[in-house]
Amino acid sequence: MKERIKKLRKTLDLNQTEFAEKLNITQAHESSMEKGKREPTDRTISDICREFNVNEEWLRSGTGDMFKEMTEQDIIKQKIDNQLKDGDEFTKNVLYQIASLTPEEWKAIEEFIYKIKK
C-alpha cells in the first residue's frame, strides 16, 4: 500500500505536509506510511478515500482505477469545497443545495421571486 499512497500523493501534486494536513495527520506519520514503517488504519484509509475521491479497492489492493467515478454533483461539491476551504459549513450547505436543484425547482424559485417583487 505504501507505493499506492505515494503514487496518489504525487498524482495529486501534493507534498507530504500538504497531503498530511488534509488528513489531519502529521507529516512524519504520512512519511512513515510511504516508507512502509506504519500501516494506515482503517480510519486513515477511509479519510484518504473520502478526501481525495479514491477507490478503496485500488488503495488496499491495487485493483481497479485510482479514483472513483464522480457524478456531476460530486464534481460540483468538490469545487465548492475547494473554493471555500475555510468557509463556514452553513454557506457550503446552502451552495450544495442550490447546485442540486432541478430545472423545475429553479422555475418554482423564479416564480416565487417574481411574486414577492410585485
N, C-alpha and C. Protein backbone atom coordinates (compact mmCIF):
# COMPACT_ATOMS: atom_id res chain seq x y z
N MET A 1 0.82 -1.19 0.00
CA MET A 1 0.00 0.00 0.00
C MET A 1 0.87 1.26 0.00
N LYS A 2 2.07 1.14 0.52
CA LYS A 2 2.94 2.31 0.63
C LYS A 2 3.19 2.96 -0.73
N GLU A 3 3.38 2.12 -1.76
CA GLU A 3 3.63 2.66 -3.09
C GLU A 3 2.41 3.40 -3.63
N ARG A 4 1.23 2.86 -3.34
CA ARG A 4 0.00 3.50 -3.84
C ARG A 4 -0.27 4.82 -3.13
N ILE A 5 0.05 4.91 -1.85
CA ILE A 5 -0.12 6.18 -1.14
C ILE A 5 0.80 7.23 -1.74
N LYS A 6 2.03 6.85 -1.99
CA LYS A 6 2.98 7.79 -2.58
C LYS A 6 2.55 8.18 -3.99
N LYS A 7 2.12 7.21 -4.77
CA LYS A 7 1.67 7.48 -6.14
C LYS A 7 0.47 8.43 -6.12
N LEU A 8 -0.46 8.21 -5.21
CA LEU A 8 -1.62 9.08 -5.09
C LEU A 8 -1.20 10.50 -4.77
N ARG A 9 -0.34 10.64 -3.77
CA ARG A 9 0.12 11.98 -3.36
C ARG A 9 0.77 12.70 -4.52
N LYS A 10 1.61 12.00 -5.25
CA LYS A 10 2.30 12.63 -6.38
C LYS A 10 1.32 12.95 -7.52
N THR A 11 0.34 12.07 -7.74
CA THR A 11 -0.68 12.34 -8.76
C THR A 11 -1.47 13.60 -8.41
N LEU A 12 -1.70 13.80 -7.13
CA LEU A 12 -2.43 14.99 -6.66
C LEU A 12 -1.54 16.22 -6.60
N ASP A 13 -0.25 16.04 -6.87
CA ASP A 13 0.74 17.12 -6.85
C ASP A 13 0.79 17.80 -5.48
N LEU A 14 0.83 16.95 -4.44
CA LEU A 14 0.92 17.45 -3.06
C LEU A 14 2.23 16.97 -2.46
N ASN A 15 2.83 17.81 -1.62
CA ASN A 15 3.98 17.32 -0.86
C ASN A 15 3.45 16.58 0.36
N GLN A 16 4.35 15.95 1.10
CA GLN A 16 3.91 15.15 2.24
C GLN A 16 3.17 15.98 3.29
N THR A 17 3.62 17.19 3.51
CA THR A 17 2.98 18.05 4.51
C THR A 17 1.56 18.41 4.09
N GLU A 18 1.38 18.78 2.83
CA GLU A 18 0.04 19.14 2.34
C GLU A 18 -0.91 17.94 2.40
N PHE A 19 -0.41 16.79 1.98
CA PHE A 19 -1.20 15.57 2.00
C PHE A 19 -1.62 15.25 3.44
N ALA A 20 -0.67 15.31 4.35
CA ALA A 20 -0.93 15.01 5.76
C ALA A 20 -1.94 15.97 6.36
N GLU A 21 -1.80 17.26 6.05
CA GLU A 21 -2.72 18.26 6.61
C GLU A 21 -4.16 17.98 6.20
N LYS A 22 -4.38 17.55 4.98
CA LYS A 22 -5.74 17.26 4.51
C LYS A 22 -6.33 16.06 5.25
N LEU A 23 -5.47 15.21 5.80
CA LEU A 23 -5.93 14.03 6.53
C LEU A 23 -5.87 14.21 8.04
N ASN A 24 -5.43 15.37 8.48
CA ASN A 24 -5.27 15.65 9.92
C ASN A 24 -4.33 14.66 10.59
N ILE A 25 -3.23 14.37 9.89
CA ILE A 25 -2.16 13.57 10.47
C ILE A 25 -0.87 14.37 10.32
N THR A 26 0.17 13.92 11.00
CA THR A 26 1.44 14.64 10.90
C THR A 26 2.17 14.23 9.62
N GLN A 27 3.10 15.07 9.22
CA GLN A 27 3.93 14.76 8.05
C GLN A 27 4.76 13.52 8.35
N ALA A 28 5.22 13.38 9.58
CA ALA A 28 6.02 12.20 9.97
C ALA A 28 5.20 10.92 9.83
N HIS A 29 3.93 10.99 10.22
CA HIS A 29 3.05 9.82 10.09
C HIS A 29 2.87 9.47 8.62
N GLU A 30 2.64 10.48 7.79
CA GLU A 30 2.47 10.27 6.36
C GLU A 30 3.73 9.65 5.76
N SER A 31 4.87 10.19 6.12
CA SER A 31 6.15 9.69 5.63
C SER A 31 6.36 8.23 6.02
N SER A 32 6.01 7.90 7.25
CA SER A 32 6.20 6.51 7.71
C SER A 32 5.26 5.55 6.97
N MET A 33 4.09 6.01 6.54
CA MET A 33 3.21 5.15 5.74
C MET A 33 3.82 4.91 4.36
N GLU A 34 4.39 5.96 3.77
CA GLU A 34 5.01 5.82 2.44
C GLU A 34 6.24 4.93 2.48
N LYS A 35 6.92 4.91 3.60
CA LYS A 35 8.12 4.06 3.74
C LYS A 35 7.77 2.64 4.17
N GLY A 36 6.51 2.40 4.52
CA GLY A 36 6.09 1.08 4.96
C GLY A 36 6.40 0.79 6.40
N LYS A 37 6.81 1.80 7.15
CA LYS A 37 7.11 1.61 8.58
C LYS A 37 5.83 1.59 9.41
N ARG A 38 4.76 2.12 8.84
CA ARG A 38 3.49 2.20 9.56
C ARG A 38 2.37 1.92 8.56
N GLU A 39 1.48 1.01 8.92
CA GLU A 39 0.32 0.72 8.08
C GLU A 39 -0.79 1.71 8.42
N PRO A 40 -1.47 2.23 7.41
CA PRO A 40 -2.56 3.15 7.71
C PRO A 40 -3.71 2.41 8.39
N THR A 41 -4.34 3.07 9.32
CA THR A 41 -5.50 2.48 9.99
C THR A 41 -6.69 2.50 9.03
N ASP A 42 -7.73 1.75 9.38
CA ASP A 42 -8.94 1.77 8.56
C ASP A 42 -9.50 3.19 8.47
N ARG A 43 -9.40 3.93 9.56
CA ARG A 43 -9.90 5.31 9.54
C ARG A 43 -9.08 6.17 8.57
N THR A 44 -7.77 6.03 8.58
CA THR A 44 -6.93 6.79 7.67
C THR A 44 -7.24 6.42 6.22
N ILE A 45 -7.44 5.14 5.97
CA ILE A 45 -7.81 4.70 4.62
C ILE A 45 -9.14 5.34 4.22
N SER A 46 -10.09 5.31 5.13
CA SER A 46 -11.39 5.94 4.86
C SER A 46 -11.24 7.43 4.59
N ASP A 47 -10.41 8.09 5.38
CA ASP A 47 -10.18 9.53 5.20
C ASP A 47 -9.53 9.83 3.85
N ILE A 48 -8.57 9.01 3.45
CA ILE A 48 -7.92 9.19 2.15
C ILE A 48 -8.95 9.05 1.03
N CYS A 49 -9.76 8.03 1.11
CA CYS A 49 -10.76 7.78 0.07
C CYS A 49 -11.78 8.91 0.00
N ARG A 50 -12.22 9.39 1.14
CA ARG A 50 -13.21 10.47 1.17
C ARG A 50 -12.60 11.79 0.70
N GLU A 51 -11.46 12.13 1.22
CA GLU A 51 -10.84 13.43 0.94
C GLU A 51 -10.41 13.56 -0.52
N PHE A 52 -9.92 12.47 -1.10
CA PHE A 52 -9.36 12.55 -2.45
C PHE A 52 -10.15 11.78 -3.50
N ASN A 53 -11.34 11.29 -3.12
CA ASN A 53 -12.21 10.55 -4.03
C ASN A 53 -11.51 9.30 -4.59
N VAL A 54 -10.81 8.60 -3.71
CA VAL A 54 -10.02 7.43 -4.10
C VAL A 54 -10.87 6.16 -3.98
N ASN A 55 -10.67 5.28 -4.94
CA ASN A 55 -11.30 3.98 -4.94
C ASN A 55 -10.62 3.12 -3.86
N GLU A 56 -11.38 2.73 -2.84
CA GLU A 56 -10.78 1.99 -1.72
C GLU A 56 -10.17 0.67 -2.16
N GLU A 57 -10.79 0.01 -3.10
CA GLU A 57 -10.24 -1.26 -3.60
C GLU A 57 -8.86 -1.04 -4.21
N TRP A 58 -8.70 0.05 -4.96
CA TRP A 58 -7.39 0.35 -5.53
C TRP A 58 -6.38 0.62 -4.42
N LEU A 59 -6.77 1.42 -3.43
CA LEU A 59 -5.84 1.77 -2.36
C LEU A 59 -5.38 0.54 -1.59
N ARG A 60 -6.31 -0.34 -1.28
CA ARG A 60 -5.97 -1.52 -0.48
C ARG A 60 -5.23 -2.60 -1.29
N SER A 61 -5.64 -2.80 -2.55
CA SER A 61 -5.09 -3.96 -3.28
C SER A 61 -4.44 -3.62 -4.62
N GLY A 62 -4.66 -2.41 -5.09
CA GLY A 62 -4.12 -2.04 -6.40
C GLY A 62 -5.03 -2.42 -7.55
N THR A 63 -6.21 -2.94 -7.25
CA THR A 63 -7.17 -3.36 -8.27
C THR A 63 -8.11 -2.22 -8.62
N GLY A 64 -8.35 -2.06 -9.91
CA GLY A 64 -9.30 -1.04 -10.36
C GLY A 64 -8.61 0.31 -10.58
N ASP A 65 -9.45 1.31 -10.78
CA ASP A 65 -8.96 2.67 -11.02
C ASP A 65 -8.58 3.36 -9.71
N MET A 66 -7.65 4.30 -9.81
CA MET A 66 -7.21 5.03 -8.63
C MET A 66 -8.36 5.85 -8.03
N PHE A 67 -9.13 6.48 -8.88
CA PHE A 67 -10.19 7.36 -8.40
C PHE A 67 -11.57 6.78 -8.70
N LYS A 68 -12.52 7.08 -7.82
CA LYS A 68 -13.91 6.69 -8.05
C LYS A 68 -14.47 7.58 -9.16
N GLU A 69 -15.40 7.02 -9.90
CA GLU A 69 -16.09 7.83 -10.90
C GLU A 69 -16.95 8.85 -10.17
N MET A 70 -16.89 10.07 -10.63
CA MET A 70 -17.62 11.14 -9.95
C MET A 70 -18.86 11.54 -10.74
N THR A 71 -19.94 11.75 -10.01
CA THR A 71 -21.15 12.28 -10.63
C THR A 71 -20.98 13.79 -10.79
N GLU A 72 -21.86 14.39 -11.54
CA GLU A 72 -21.82 15.85 -11.70
C GLU A 72 -21.96 16.53 -10.34
N GLN A 73 -22.81 15.98 -9.47
CA GLN A 73 -23.00 16.54 -8.13
C GLN A 73 -21.71 16.44 -7.31
N ASP A 74 -21.01 15.32 -7.43
CA ASP A 74 -19.74 15.15 -6.72
C ASP A 74 -18.72 16.21 -7.16
N ILE A 75 -18.67 16.45 -8.47
CA ILE A 75 -17.73 17.43 -9.02
C ILE A 75 -18.07 18.83 -8.51
N ILE A 76 -19.35 19.17 -8.49
CA ILE A 76 -19.77 20.49 -8.00
C ILE A 76 -19.43 20.62 -6.52
N LYS A 77 -19.71 19.58 -5.74
CA LYS A 77 -19.41 19.62 -4.30
C LYS A 77 -17.92 19.81 -4.08
N GLN A 78 -17.10 19.10 -4.84
CA GLN A 78 -15.66 19.22 -4.70
C GLN A 78 -15.20 20.63 -5.04
N LYS A 79 -15.76 21.23 -6.07
CA LYS A 79 -15.38 22.59 -6.44
C LYS A 79 -15.77 23.58 -5.35
N ILE A 80 -16.96 23.41 -4.78
CA ILE A 80 -17.39 24.28 -3.67
C ILE A 80 -16.42 24.12 -2.50
N ASP A 81 -16.10 22.88 -2.14
CA ASP A 81 -15.18 22.63 -1.03
C ASP A 81 -13.81 23.27 -1.28
N ASN A 82 -13.33 23.16 -2.52
CA ASN A 82 -12.02 23.73 -2.84
C ASN A 82 -12.03 25.25 -2.78
N GLN A 83 -13.12 25.87 -3.19
CA GLN A 83 -13.21 27.32 -3.18
C GLN A 83 -13.44 27.88 -1.78
N LEU A 84 -14.15 27.13 -0.96
CA LEU A 84 -14.48 27.59 0.40
C LEU A 84 -13.77 26.76 1.45
N LYS A 85 -12.49 26.57 1.29
CA LYS A 85 -11.73 25.73 2.22
C LYS A 85 -11.93 26.13 3.67
N ASP A 86 -11.94 27.43 3.91
CA ASP A 86 -12.12 27.91 5.28
C ASP A 86 -13.52 28.48 5.49
N GLY A 87 -14.41 28.25 4.53
CA GLY A 87 -15.77 28.77 4.64
C GLY A 87 -16.57 28.04 5.70
N ASP A 88 -17.62 28.70 6.15
CA ASP A 88 -18.44 28.07 7.17
C ASP A 88 -19.32 26.99 6.54
N GLU A 89 -19.69 26.02 7.33
CA GLU A 89 -20.45 24.87 6.84
C GLU A 89 -21.84 25.28 6.35
N PHE A 90 -22.44 26.29 6.97
CA PHE A 90 -23.77 26.74 6.52
C PHE A 90 -23.70 27.21 5.07
N THR A 91 -22.70 28.04 4.75
CA THR A 91 -22.56 28.55 3.38
C THR A 91 -22.35 27.40 2.41
N LYS A 92 -21.49 26.46 2.77
CA LYS A 92 -21.26 25.31 1.91
C LYS A 92 -22.55 24.53 1.67
N ASN A 93 -23.30 24.29 2.73
CA ASN A 93 -24.53 23.52 2.61
C ASN A 93 -25.57 24.24 1.74
N VAL A 94 -25.65 25.55 1.87
CA VAL A 94 -26.57 26.32 1.02
C VAL A 94 -26.16 26.16 -0.44
N LEU A 95 -24.88 26.29 -0.72
CA LEU A 95 -24.41 26.14 -2.11
C LEU A 95 -24.62 24.73 -2.64
N TYR A 96 -24.42 23.72 -1.79
CA TYR A 96 -24.68 22.34 -2.22
C TYR A 96 -26.14 22.18 -2.64
N GLN A 97 -27.03 22.74 -1.80
CA GLN A 97 -28.45 22.62 -2.09
C GLN A 97 -28.84 23.36 -3.36
N ILE A 98 -28.29 24.54 -3.54
CA ILE A 98 -28.57 25.31 -4.77
C ILE A 98 -28.08 24.53 -5.98
N ALA A 99 -26.90 23.96 -5.88
CA ALA A 99 -26.31 23.23 -7.01
C ALA A 99 -27.10 21.98 -7.36
N SER A 100 -27.86 21.46 -6.41
CA SER A 100 -28.59 20.22 -6.67
C SER A 100 -30.04 20.45 -7.11
N LEU A 101 -30.44 21.71 -7.29
CA LEU A 101 -31.81 21.99 -7.71
C LEU A 101 -32.08 21.49 -9.12
N THR A 102 -33.28 20.96 -9.30
CA THR A 102 -33.70 20.52 -10.63
C THR A 102 -34.21 21.73 -11.41
N PRO A 103 -34.34 21.61 -12.73
CA PRO A 103 -34.91 22.73 -13.50
C PRO A 103 -36.30 23.15 -13.01
N GLU A 104 -37.08 22.19 -12.58
CA GLU A 104 -38.43 22.50 -12.06
C GLU A 104 -38.34 23.31 -10.77
N GLU A 105 -37.39 22.95 -9.91
CA GLU A 105 -37.21 23.69 -8.65
C GLU A 105 -36.72 25.10 -8.92
N TRP A 106 -35.82 25.26 -9.90
CA TRP A 106 -35.36 26.61 -10.27
C TRP A 106 -36.53 27.45 -10.76
N LYS A 107 -37.41 26.84 -11.55
CA LYS A 107 -38.58 27.54 -12.07
C LYS A 107 -39.47 27.99 -10.93
N ALA A 108 -39.68 27.11 -9.94
CA ALA A 108 -40.51 27.46 -8.78
C ALA A 108 -39.90 28.62 -7.99
N ILE A 109 -38.58 28.62 -7.82
CA ILE A 109 -37.91 29.71 -7.12
C ILE A 109 -38.06 31.00 -7.91
N GLU A 110 -37.88 30.92 -9.21
CA GLU A 110 -38.02 32.09 -10.07
C GLU A 110 -39.42 32.69 -9.96
N GLU A 111 -40.42 31.84 -10.01
CA GLU A 111 -41.81 32.30 -9.88
C GLU A 111 -42.05 32.93 -8.51
N PHE A 112 -41.51 32.32 -7.48
CA PHE A 112 -41.66 32.87 -6.13
C PHE A 112 -41.03 34.25 -6.03
N ILE A 113 -39.85 34.41 -6.58
CA ILE A 113 -39.16 35.71 -6.52
C ILE A 113 -39.95 36.78 -7.27
N TYR A 114 -40.47 36.42 -8.44
CA TYR A 114 -41.30 37.40 -9.19
C TYR A 114 -42.53 37.79 -8.40
N LYS A 115 -43.14 36.84 -7.69
CA LYS A 115 -44.35 37.14 -6.89
C LYS A 115 -44.03 38.08 -5.75
N ILE A 116 -42.92 37.87 -5.07
CA ILE A 116 -42.62 38.75 -3.92
C ILE A 116 -42.11 40.11 -4.36
N LYS A 117 -41.63 40.22 -5.59
CA LYS A 117 -41.18 41.51 -6.10
C LYS A 117 -42.36 42.40 -6.44
N LYS A 118 -43.53 41.82 -6.72
CA LYS A 118 -44.71 42.60 -7.11
C LYS A 118 -45.34 43.32 -5.97
